[in-house]
Amino acid sequence: NLARLGNSGTWFGDLDFTYDIKGDHCNLAYIGMDVCVDLTPKLVHKHGQPMLKDYGQSWVYVYLRQLTLDKVKSYVKSGTGWDVSDEGTVFDPNRNLVAIEAKMHNKGGQPKPSVWVANDKNASAQDMSFSRIGTVQDVSTHPSQQRIHRGVGIFAVSMEVEGNHNVMPVPGRGYEANLSFTLVSLRTWGSTDCVAPIVHAPSKWY
């Protein structure tokens, strides 16, 4: 169900996802996706101020395959009836990847996202184990970890719909939903040099 955001015409709701776990159907407030999380340093503009405000603290770039994002959109369409817009995503045809801005909790009241690294990168899927090395915010400050990390990201997902502040919008009447991803946890089995990071701020922000 959607709820109105304050007195605005924006309606929002948090999404649950149904998983089949050994024959049991479970509703969870998270979804796991194969992603690359960008913890590389970002450029500053000529006045020395960060171009990407609070990067690595309240948000990060996440790169994923278009096929993966399309699958998430299909889940949302199937479960809610809403078509999902491409707003907030950037497709790079050279890399065949989509970049999204994933939010992160960085203040009191909500736990910061954790980074877990594989103990043995060559282990089989059944034997793979991970150790926690800190929060994304802490890890991103260490030069040795300022890389693009590939692994599985766990995300909370919410959606917003712009409509009339007096009437809750419904699917199929010309409205589209925008998805918002919040990184909850990252399980990584290493970094990659095969993905070129975004290093500057698109002009739409400044």
C-alpha atoms as a PDB file:
ATOM      1  CA  ASN A   1       0.000   0.000   0.000  1.00  0.00           C
ATOM      2  CA  LEU A   2       1.131   3.531  -0.744  1.00  0.00           C
ATOM      3  CA  ALA A   3       1.212   6.341   1.782  1.00  0.00           C
ATOM      4  CA  ARG A   4       1.410  10.037   1.046  1.00  0.00           C
ATOM      5  CA  LEU A   5       4.701  11.787   1.771  1.00  0.00           C
ATOM      6  CA  GLY A   6       3.728  14.715   3.989  1.00  0.00           C
ATOM      7  CA  ASN A   7       1.399  17.146   2.208  1.00  0.00           C
ATOM      8  CA  SER A   8       2.978  16.561  -1.188  1.00  0.00           C
ATOM      9  CA  GLY A   9       1.648  14.696  -4.182  1.00  0.00           C
ATOM     10  CA  THR A  10       4.317  12.013  -3.752  1.00  0.00           C
ATOM     11  CA  TRP A  11       3.169   8.574  -2.629  1.00  0.00           C
ATOM     12  CA  PHE A  12       5.587   5.925  -1.382  1.00  0.00           C
ATOM     13  CA  GLY A  13       5.754   2.385  -0.092  1.00  0.00           C
ATOM     14  CA  ASP A  14       8.323  -0.200   0.981  1.00  0.00           C
ATOM     15  CA  LEU A  15       8.512  -3.434  -1.003  1.00  0.00           C
ATOM     16  CA  ASP A  16       8.616  -7.019   0.244  1.00  0.00           C
ATOM     17  CA  PHE A  17       9.900  -9.932  -1.811  1.00  0.00           C
ATOM     18  CA  THR A  18       8.686 -13.522  -1.629  1.00  0.00           C
ATOM     19  CA  TYR A  19      11.326 -16.260  -1.527  1.00  0.00           C
ATOM     20  CA  ASP A  20      10.931 -20.006  -1.824  1.00  0.00           C
ATOM     21  CA  ILE A  21      13.276 -21.349   0.864  1.00  0.00           C
ATOM     22  CA  LYS A  22      13.280 -25.146   0.863  1.00  0.00           C
ATOM     23  CA  GLY A  23       9.623 -25.212  -0.069  1.00  0.00           C
ATOM     24  CA  ASP A  24       8.544 -22.506   2.375  1.00  0.00           C
ATOM     25  CA  HIS A  25       7.413 -19.142   0.999  1.00  0.00           C
ATOM     26  CA  CYS A  26       8.853 -16.290   3.037  1.00  0.00           C
ATOM     27  CA  ASN A  27       8.272 -12.563   2.654  1.00  0.00           C
ATOM     28  CA  LEU A  28      11.433 -10.535   3.261  1.00  0.00           C
ATOM     29  CA  ALA A  29      11.991  -6.797   3.156  1.00  0.00           C
ATOM     30  CA  TYR A  30      15.194  -7.224   1.150  1.00  0.00           C
ATOM     31  CA  ILE A  31      16.427  -8.388  -2.224  1.00  0.00           C
ATOM     32  CA  GLY A  32      19.884  -9.723  -3.114  1.00  0.00           C
ATOM     33  CA  MET A  33      21.506  -8.850  -6.447  1.00  0.00           C
ATOM     34  CA  ASP A  34      24.814  -9.551  -8.162  1.00  0.00           C
ATOM     35  CA  VAL A  35      26.437  -6.123  -8.253  1.00  0.00           C
ATOM     36  CA  CYS A  36      29.629  -4.129  -8.233  1.00  0.00           C
ATOM     37  CA  VAL A  37      29.851  -1.475  -5.491  1.00  0.00           C
ATOM     38  CA  ASP A  38      32.061   1.499  -6.273  1.00  0.00           C
ATOM     39  CA  LEU A  39      34.270   2.548  -3.344  1.00  0.00           C
ATOM     40  CA  THR A  40      36.826   4.362  -5.514  1.00  0.00           C
ATOM     41  CA  PRO A  41      37.758   7.978  -4.669  1.00  0.00           C
ATOM     42  CA  LYS A  42      35.943  10.672  -6.629  1.00  0.00           C
ATOM     43  CA  LEU A  43      37.297  13.795  -8.289  1.00  0.00           C
ATOM     44  CA  VAL A  44      36.873  17.263  -6.802  1.00  0.00           C
ATOM     45  CA  HIS A  45      36.097  20.362  -8.824  1.00  0.00           C
ATOM     46  CA  LYS A  46      38.392  23.340  -9.248  1.00  0.00           C
ATOM     47  CA  HIS A  47      37.394  24.970  -5.941  1.00  0.00           C
ATOM     48  CA  GLY A  48      38.369  21.872  -4.012  1.00  0.00           C
ATOM     49  CA  GLN A  49      34.875  20.924  -2.891  1.00  0.00           C
ATOM     50  CA  PRO A  50      33.550  17.376  -3.350  1.00  0.00           C
ATOM     51  CA  MET A  51      31.539  17.050  -6.542  1.00  0.00           C
ATOM     52  CA  LEU A  52      29.648  14.046  -5.245  1.00  0.00           C
ATOM     53  CA  LYS A  53      28.433  15.190  -1.847  1.00  0.00           C
ATOM     54  CA  ASP A  54      28.590  12.593   0.955  1.00  0.00           C
ATOM     55  CA  TYR A  55      29.776   9.893  -1.444  1.00  0.00           C
ATOM     56  CA  GLY A  56      30.743   6.770   0.456  1.00  0.00           C
ATOM     57  CA  GLN A  57      28.878   8.001   3.518  1.00  0.00           C
ATOM     58  CA  SER A  58      25.199   8.341   2.616  1.00  0.00           C
ATOM     59  CA  TRP A  59      25.248   6.819  -0.874  1.00  0.00           C
ATOM     60  CA  VAL A  60      27.366   4.923  -3.410  1.00  0.00           C
ATOM     61  CA  TYR A  61      27.216   3.983  -7.063  1.00  0.00           C
ATOM     62  CA  VAL A  62      26.198   0.413  -7.715  1.00  0.00           C
ATOM     63  CA  TYR A  63      26.714  -1.173 -11.121  1.00  0.00           C
ATOM     64  CA  LEU A  64      24.617  -4.096 -12.297  1.00  0.00           C
ATOM     65  CA  ARG A  65      23.579  -5.794 -15.507  1.00  0.00           C
ATOM     66  CA  GLN A  66      20.569  -4.413 -17.359  1.00  0.00           C
ATOM     67  CA  LEU A  67      19.106  -7.916 -17.253  1.00  0.00           C
ATOM     68  CA  THR A  68      19.254  -7.878 -13.441  1.00  0.00           C
ATOM     69  CA  LEU A  69      17.476  -4.534 -13.193  1.00  0.00           C
ATOM     70  CA  ASP A  70      14.863  -5.634 -15.721  1.00  0.00           C
ATOM     71  CA  LYS A  71      14.207  -8.713 -13.593  1.00  0.00           C
ATOM     72  CA  VAL A  72      13.621  -6.534 -10.507  1.00  0.00           C
ATOM     73  CA  LYS A  73      11.251  -4.355 -12.518  1.00  0.00           C
ATOM     74  CA  SER A  74       9.337  -7.442 -13.602  1.00  0.00           C
ATOM     75  CA  TYR A  75       9.015  -8.543  -9.969  1.00  0.00           C
ATOM     76  CA  VAL A  76       7.599  -5.128  -9.039  1.00  0.00           C
ATOM     77  CA  LYS A  77       5.199  -5.172 -12.001  1.00  0.00           C
ATOM     78  CA  SER A  78       4.012  -8.683 -11.150  1.00  0.00           C
ATOM     79  CA  GLY A  79       3.579  -7.983  -7.444  1.00  0.00           C
ATOM     80  CA  THR A  80       2.168  -4.453  -7.494  1.00  0.00           C
ATOM     81  CA  GLY A  81       0.910  -3.793 -11.018  1.00  0.00           C
ATOM     82  CA  TRP A  82       3.168  -0.764 -11.323  1.00  0.00           C
ATOM     83  CA  ASP A  83       5.397  -0.093 -14.319  1.00  0.00           C
ATOM     84  CA  VAL A  84       8.834   1.126 -13.209  1.00  0.00           C
ATOM     85  CA  SER A  85      10.539   4.125 -14.800  1.00  0.00           C
ATOM     86  CA  ASP A  86      14.234   4.412 -15.648  1.00  0.00           C
ATOM     87  CA  GLU A  87      14.616   7.584 -13.589  1.00  0.00           C
ATOM     88  CA  GLY A  88      17.763   7.566 -11.469  1.00  0.00           C
ATOM     89  CA  THR A  89      19.534   4.973 -13.612  1.00  0.00           C
ATOM     90  CA  VAL A  90      22.274   5.480 -16.194  1.00  0.00           C
ATOM     91  CA  PHE A  91      22.902   2.859 -18.882  1.00  0.00           C
ATOM     92  CA  ASP A  92      26.440   2.524 -20.215  1.00  0.00           C
ATOM     93  CA  PRO A  93      26.358   0.634 -23.533  1.00  0.00           C
ATOM     94  CA  ASN A  94      30.160   0.355 -23.565  1.00  0.00           C
ATOM     95  CA  ARG A  95      30.112  -1.709 -20.374  1.00  0.00           C
ATOM     96  CA  ASN A  96      26.593  -3.106 -20.781  1.00  0.00           C
ATOM     97  CA  LEU A  97      25.933  -2.049 -17.199  1.00  0.00           C
ATOM     98  CA  VAL A  98      23.435   0.150 -15.401  1.00  0.00           C
ATOM     99  CA  ALA A  99      24.536   2.551 -12.665  1.00  0.00           C
ATOM    100  CA  ILE A 100      22.159   3.308  -9.793  1.00  0.00           C
ATOM    101  CA  GLU A 101      22.610   5.495  -6.735  1.00  0.00           C
ATOM    102  CA  ALA A 102      22.137   3.344  -3.652  1.00  0.00           C
ATOM    103  CA  LYS A 103      21.376   5.078  -0.393  1.00  0.00           C
ATOM    104  CA  MET A 104      23.053   4.055   2.873  1.00  0.00           C
ATOM    105  CA  HIS A 105      22.054   4.658   6.478  1.00  0.00           C
ATOM    106  CA  ASN A 106      24.744   6.748   8.139  1.00  0.00           C
ATOM    107  CA  LYS A 107      23.086   8.214  11.207  1.00  0.00           C
ATOM    108  CA  GLY A 108      21.804   6.905  14.507  1.00  0.00           C
ATOM    109  CA  GLY A 109      18.681   4.807  14.602  1.00  0.00           C
ATOM    110  CA  GLN A 110      19.521   2.619  11.612  1.00  0.00           C
ATOM    111  CA  PRO A 111      22.522   0.292  11.289  1.00  0.00           C
ATOM    112  CA  LYS A 112      25.124   1.185   8.690  1.00  0.00           C
ATOM    113  CA  PRO A 113      25.667  -1.352   5.904  1.00  0.00           C
ATOM    114  CA  SER A 114      28.301  -3.995   6.597  1.00  0.00           C
ATOM    115  CA  VAL A 115      31.005  -5.334   4.299  1.00  0.00           C
ATOM    116  CA  TRP A 116      31.700  -9.070   4.429  1.00  0.00           C
ATOM    117  CA  VAL A 117      34.671 -10.525   2.523  1.00  0.00           C
ATOM    118  CA  ALA A 118      35.146 -14.108   1.372  1.00  0.00           C
ATOM    119  CA  ASN A 119      37.597 -16.086   3.489  1.00  0.00           C
ATOM    120  CA  ASP A 120      38.518 -18.266   0.523  1.00  0.00           C
ATOM    121  CA  LYS A 121      37.723 -16.878  -2.923  1.00  0.00           C
ATOM    122  CA  ASN A 122      38.272 -20.292  -4.500  1.00  0.00           C
ATOM    123  CA  ALA A 123      35.857 -22.150  -2.251  1.00  0.00           C
ATOM    124  CA  SER A 124      32.736 -23.736  -3.711  1.00  0.00           C
ATOM    125  CA  ALA A 125      29.368 -22.068  -3.196  1.00  0.00           C
ATOM    126  CA  GLN A 126      28.503 -24.546  -0.434  1.00  0.00           C
ATOM    127  CA  ASP A 127      31.783 -23.971   1.410  1.00  0.00           C
ATOM    128  CA  MET A 128      32.014 -20.200   0.925  1.00  0.00           C
ATOM    129  CA  SER A 129      32.271 -18.281   4.213  1.00  0.00           C
ATOM    130  CA  PHE A 130      32.629 -14.573   4.929  1.00  0.00           C
ATOM    131  CA  SER A 131      34.108 -12.332   7.621  1.00  0.00           C
ATOM    132  CA  ARG A 132      32.896  -8.847   8.485  1.00  0.00           C
ATOM    133  CA  ILE A 133      35.558  -6.131   8.016  1.00  0.00           C
ATOM    134  CA  GLY A 134      33.461  -3.088   8.962  1.00  0.00           C
ATOM    135  CA  THR A 135      30.835  -0.757   7.582  1.00  0.00           C
ATOM    136  CA  VAL A 136      30.883   0.495   4.021  1.00  0.00           C
ATOM    137  CA  GLN A 137      31.555   3.970   5.381  1.00  0.00           C
ATOM    138  CA  ASP A 138      34.652   2.794   7.272  1.00  0.00           C
ATOM    139  CA  VAL A 139      35.944   0.465   4.574  1.00  0.00           C
ATOM    140  CA  SER A 140      35.703   3.172   1.904  1.00  0.00           C
ATOM    141  CA  THR A 141      38.264   5.298   3.782  1.00  0.00           C
ATOM    142  CA  HIS A 142      41.019   2.656   3.576  1.00  0.00           C
ATOM    143  CA  PRO A 143      43.198   3.098   0.454  1.00  0.00           C
ATOM    144  CA  SER A 144      43.552  -0.677   0.014  1.00  0.00           C
ATOM    145  CA  GLN A 145      39.766  -1.020  -0.184  1.00  0.00           C
ATOM    146  CA  GLN A 146      39.092   1.942  -2.483  1.00  0.00           C
ATOM    147  CA  ARG A 147      38.241  -0.329  -5.388  1.00  0.00           C
ATOM    148  CA  ILE A 148      35.174  -1.604  -7.184  1.00  0.00           C
ATOM    149  CA  HIS A 149      33.992  -4.612  -5.195  1.00  0.00           C
ATOM    150  CA  ARG A 150      32.035  -7.384  -6.877  1.00  0.00           C
ATOM    151  CA  GLY A 151      29.678  -9.608  -4.970  1.00  0.00           C
ATOM    152  CA  VAL A 152      26.115  -9.761  -3.716  1.00  0.00           C
ATOM    153  CA  GLY A 153      24.442  -6.638  -2.421  1.00  0.00           C
ATOM    154  CA  ILE A 154      21.458  -6.858  -0.074  1.00  0.00           C
ATOM    155  CA  PHE A 155      19.041  -3.963  -0.617  1.00  0.00           C
ATOM    156  CA  ALA A 156      15.879  -2.587   0.874  1.00  0.00           C
ATOM    157  CA  VAL A 157      13.691  -1.283  -1.948  1.00  0.00           C
ATOM    158  CA  SER A 158      10.977   1.345  -1.859  1.00  0.00           C
ATOM    159  CA  MET A 159       8.973   2.996  -4.598  1.00  0.00           C
ATOM    160  CA  GLU A 160       7.593   6.467  -5.130  1.00  0.00           C
ATOM    161  CA  VAL A 161       4.826   7.651  -7.410  1.00  0.00           C
ATOM    162  CA  GLU A 162       4.116  11.272  -8.274  1.00  0.00           C
ATOM    163  CA  GLY A 163       0.373  11.887  -8.318  1.00  0.00           C
ATOM    164  CA  ASN A 164      -2.439  13.971  -6.919  1.00  0.00           C
ATOM    165  CA  HIS A 165      -2.140  14.772  -3.227  1.00  0.00           C
ATOM    166  CA  ASN A 166      -5.876  14.186  -2.756  1.00  0.00           C
ATOM    167  CA  VAL A 167      -6.180  10.801  -4.456  1.00  0.00           C
ATOM    168  CA  MET A 168      -3.883   7.798  -4.146  1.00  0.00           C
ATOM    169  CA  PRO A 169      -2.575   6.886  -7.621  1.00  0.00           C
ATOM    170  CA  VAL A 170      -3.283   3.456  -9.054  1.00  0.00           C
ATOM    171  CA  PRO A 171      -1.395   1.460 -11.697  1.00  0.00           C
ATOM    172  CA  GLY A 172      -2.305   1.696 -15.365  1.00  0.00           C
ATOM    173  CA  ARG A 173      -3.371   5.343 -15.516  1.00  0.00           C
ATOM    174  CA  GLY A 174      -0.267   6.906 -16.980  1.00  0.00           C
ATOM    175  CA  TYR A 175       1.774   6.926 -13.774  1.00  0.00           C
ATOM    176  CA  GLU A 176       5.105   5.171 -13.336  1.00  0.00           C
ATOM    177  CA  ALA A 177       6.851   4.212 -10.104  1.00  0.00           C
ATOM    178  CA  ASN A 178      10.412   5.209  -9.270  1.00  0.00           C
ATOM    179  CA  LEU A 179      12.475   2.704  -7.307  1.00  0.00           C
ATOM    180  CA  SER A 180      14.850   3.647  -4.500  1.00  0.00           C
ATOM    181  CA  PHE A 181      17.529   1.193  -3.334  1.00  0.00           C
ATOM    182  CA  THR A 182      19.152   1.256   0.116  1.00  0.00           C
ATOM    183  CA  LEU A 183      22.282  -0.862   0.552  1.00  0.00           C
ATOM    184  CA  VAL A 184      21.975  -2.970   3.699  1.00  0.00           C
ATOM    185  CA  SER A 185      24.920  -5.345   3.347  1.00  0.00           C
ATOM    186  CA  LEU A 186      27.630  -6.329   0.861  1.00  0.00           C
ATOM    187  CA  ARG A 187      29.189  -9.759   0.542  1.00  0.00           C
ATOM    188  CA  THR A 188      32.223  -9.476  -1.698  1.00  0.00           C
ATOM    189  CA  TRP A 189      34.666 -12.033  -3.029  1.00  0.00           C
ATOM    190  CA  GLY A 190      37.110  -9.459  -4.373  1.00  0.00           C
ATOM    191  CA  SER A 191      37.605  -6.345  -6.442  1.00  0.00           C
ATOM    192  CA  THR A 192      37.537  -5.971 -10.200  1.00  0.00           C
ATOM    193  CA  ASP A 193      39.452  -3.836 -12.683  1.00  0.00           C
ATOM    194  CA  CYS A 194      37.030  -4.665 -15.492  1.00  0.00           C
ATOM    195  CA  VAL A 195      34.552  -1.913 -14.592  1.00  0.00           C
ATOM    196  CA  ALA A 196      35.411   1.745 -15.134  1.00  0.00           C
ATOM    197  CA  PRO A 197      34.094   3.827 -12.222  1.00  0.00           C
ATOM    198  CA  ILE A 198      32.136   7.058 -12.471  1.00  0.00           C
ATOM    199  CA  VAL A 199      34.568   9.735 -11.340  1.00  0.00           C
ATOM    200  CA  HIS A 200      32.729  13.034 -11.784  1.00  0.00           C
ATOM    201  CA  ALA A 201      29.391  14.600 -11.042  1.00  0.00           C
ATOM    202  CA  PRO A 202      26.855  14.738 -13.870  1.00  0.00           C
ATOM    203  CA  SER A 203      25.818  18.315 -14.533  1.00  0.00           C
ATOM    204  CA  LYS A 204      22.216  17.605 -13.525  1.00  0.00           C
ATOM    205  CA  TRP A 205      23.256  17.845  -9.846  1.00  0.00           C
ATOM    206  CA  TYR A 206      25.026  21.205 -10.003  1.00  0.00           C
END
